[in-house]
Amino acid sequence: MRILVCPVCKSTDIEMDAGGYTGKYHCKKCGYIGSFILEMDEGELKELIEAEKTKDDTAKRRDL
């Protein structure tokens, strides 16, 4: 199953904007509206989340 993911905040809370007439998507979490959206399966989403977590952890350690 393909999962739609926001390219800005990586949320999966995505819906078609304007009922799909505009060809754009709307992220309910961050408010992003656009035609570019990430589409991936569950395994790819888990990898993306882990990569983002690792990136955040590295940035926090650098700030110390």
C-alpha atoms as a PDB file:
ATOM      1  CA  MET A   1       0.000   0.000   0.000  1.00  0.00           C
ATOM      2  CA  ARG A   2       1.347   3.428  -0.942  1.00  0.00           C
ATOM      3  CA  ILE A   3       1.341   6.120   1.752  1.00  0.00           C
ATOM      4  CA  LEU A   4       1.211   9.851   1.019  1.00  0.00           C
ATOM      5  CA  VAL A   5       3.766  11.860   3.017  1.00  0.00           C
ATOM      6  CA  CYS A   6       4.156  15.630   3.343  1.00  0.00           C
ATOM      7  CA  PRO A   7       7.515  16.795   1.913  1.00  0.00           C
ATOM      8  CA  VAL A   8       7.761  19.539   4.571  1.00  0.00           C
ATOM      9  CA  CYS A   9       6.921  17.919   7.918  1.00  0.00           C
ATOM     10  CA  LYS A  10       6.826  14.209   6.919  1.00  0.00           C
ATOM     11  CA  SER A  11       3.267  13.804   8.246  1.00  0.00           C
ATOM     12  CA  THR A  12       0.946  11.214   6.729  1.00  0.00           C
ATOM     13  CA  ASP A  13      -2.144  13.321   7.516  1.00  0.00           C
ATOM     14  CA  ILE A  14      -2.612  14.287   3.846  1.00  0.00           C
ATOM     15  CA  GLU A  15      -5.761  14.896   1.843  1.00  0.00           C
ATOM     16  CA  MET A  16      -6.559  16.092  -1.657  1.00  0.00           C
ATOM     17  CA  ASP A  17      -7.027  19.870  -1.747  1.00  0.00           C
ATOM     18  CA  ALA A  18     -10.354  21.148  -3.135  1.00  0.00           C
ATOM     19  CA  GLY A  19     -11.709  17.614  -3.456  1.00  0.00           C
ATOM     20  CA  GLY A  20      -8.995  16.640  -5.942  1.00  0.00           C
ATOM     21  CA  TYR A  21     -10.036  19.157  -8.605  1.00  0.00           C
ATOM     22  CA  THR A  22      -6.797  21.159  -8.383  1.00  0.00           C
ATOM     23  CA  GLY A  23      -4.395  18.194  -8.388  1.00  0.00           C
ATOM     24  CA  LYS A  24      -2.881  19.509  -5.163  1.00  0.00           C
ATOM     25  CA  TYR A  25      -2.530  17.993  -1.711  1.00  0.00           C
ATOM     26  CA  HIS A  26      -3.072  19.551   1.718  1.00  0.00           C
ATOM     27  CA  CYS A  27      -1.165  18.569   4.857  1.00  0.00           C
ATOM     28  CA  LYS A  28      -3.387  18.923   7.915  1.00  0.00           C
ATOM     29  CA  LYS A  29      -0.375  19.088  10.258  1.00  0.00           C
ATOM     30  CA  CYS A  30       1.737  21.909   8.765  1.00  0.00           C
ATOM     31  CA  GLY A  31      -0.650  23.440   6.235  1.00  0.00           C
ATOM     32  CA  TYR A  32       1.437  22.632   3.139  1.00  0.00           C
ATOM     33  CA  ILE A  33      -0.531  22.846  -0.102  1.00  0.00           C
ATOM     34  CA  GLY A  34       1.100  21.736  -3.336  1.00  0.00           C
ATOM     35  CA  SER A  35       1.242  19.192  -6.113  1.00  0.00           C
ATOM     36  CA  PHE A  36       4.548  17.666  -4.939  1.00  0.00           C
ATOM     37  CA  ILE A  37       4.009  14.902  -2.411  1.00  0.00           C
ATOM     38  CA  LEU A  38       6.075  11.906  -1.299  1.00  0.00           C
ATOM     39  CA  GLU A  39       4.544   8.514  -2.004  1.00  0.00           C
ATOM     40  CA  MET A  40       6.107   5.492  -0.323  1.00  0.00           C
ATOM     41  CA  ASP A  41       5.402   2.140   1.253  1.00  0.00           C
ATOM     42  CA  GLU A  42       5.566   1.394   4.998  1.00  0.00           C
ATOM     43  CA  GLY A  43       9.205   0.270   4.911  1.00  0.00           C
ATOM     44  CA  GLU A  44      10.330   3.431   3.125  1.00  0.00           C
ATOM     45  CA  LEU A  45       8.368   5.568   5.605  1.00  0.00           C
ATOM     46  CA  LYS A  46      10.069   3.831   8.551  1.00  0.00           C
ATOM     47  CA  GLU A  47      13.473   4.491   6.940  1.00  0.00           C
ATOM     48  CA  LEU A  48      12.575   8.160   6.424  1.00  0.00           C
ATOM     49  CA  ILE A  49      11.455   8.565  10.038  1.00  0.00           C
ATOM     50  CA  GLU A  50      14.635   6.890  11.337  1.00  0.00           C
ATOM     51  CA  ALA A  51      16.809   9.085   9.095  1.00  0.00           C
ATOM     52  CA  GLU A  52      15.035  12.230  10.333  1.00  0.00           C
ATOM     53  CA  LYS A  53      15.428  11.097  13.965  1.00  0.00           C
ATOM     54  CA  THR A  54      19.143  10.428  13.448  1.00  0.00           C
ATOM     55  CA  LYS A  55      19.547  13.820  11.775  1.00  0.00           C
ATOM     56  CA  ASP A  56      17.775  15.558  14.684  1.00  0.00           C
ATOM     57  CA  ASP A  57      19.860  13.691  17.281  1.00  0.00           C
ATOM     58  CA  THR A  58      23.076  14.660  15.485  1.00  0.00           C
ATOM     59  CA  ALA A  59      22.020  18.315  15.342  1.00  0.00           C
ATOM     60  CA  LYS A  60      21.202  18.318  19.079  1.00  0.00           C
ATOM     61  CA  ARG A  61      24.621  16.887  19.948  1.00  0.00           C
ATOM     62  CA  ARG A  62      26.309  19.507  17.778  1.00  0.00           C
ATOM     63  CA  ASP A  63      24.477  22.301  19.636  1.00  0.00           C
ATOM     64  CA  LEU A  64      25.827  21.180  23.029  1.00  0.00           C
END
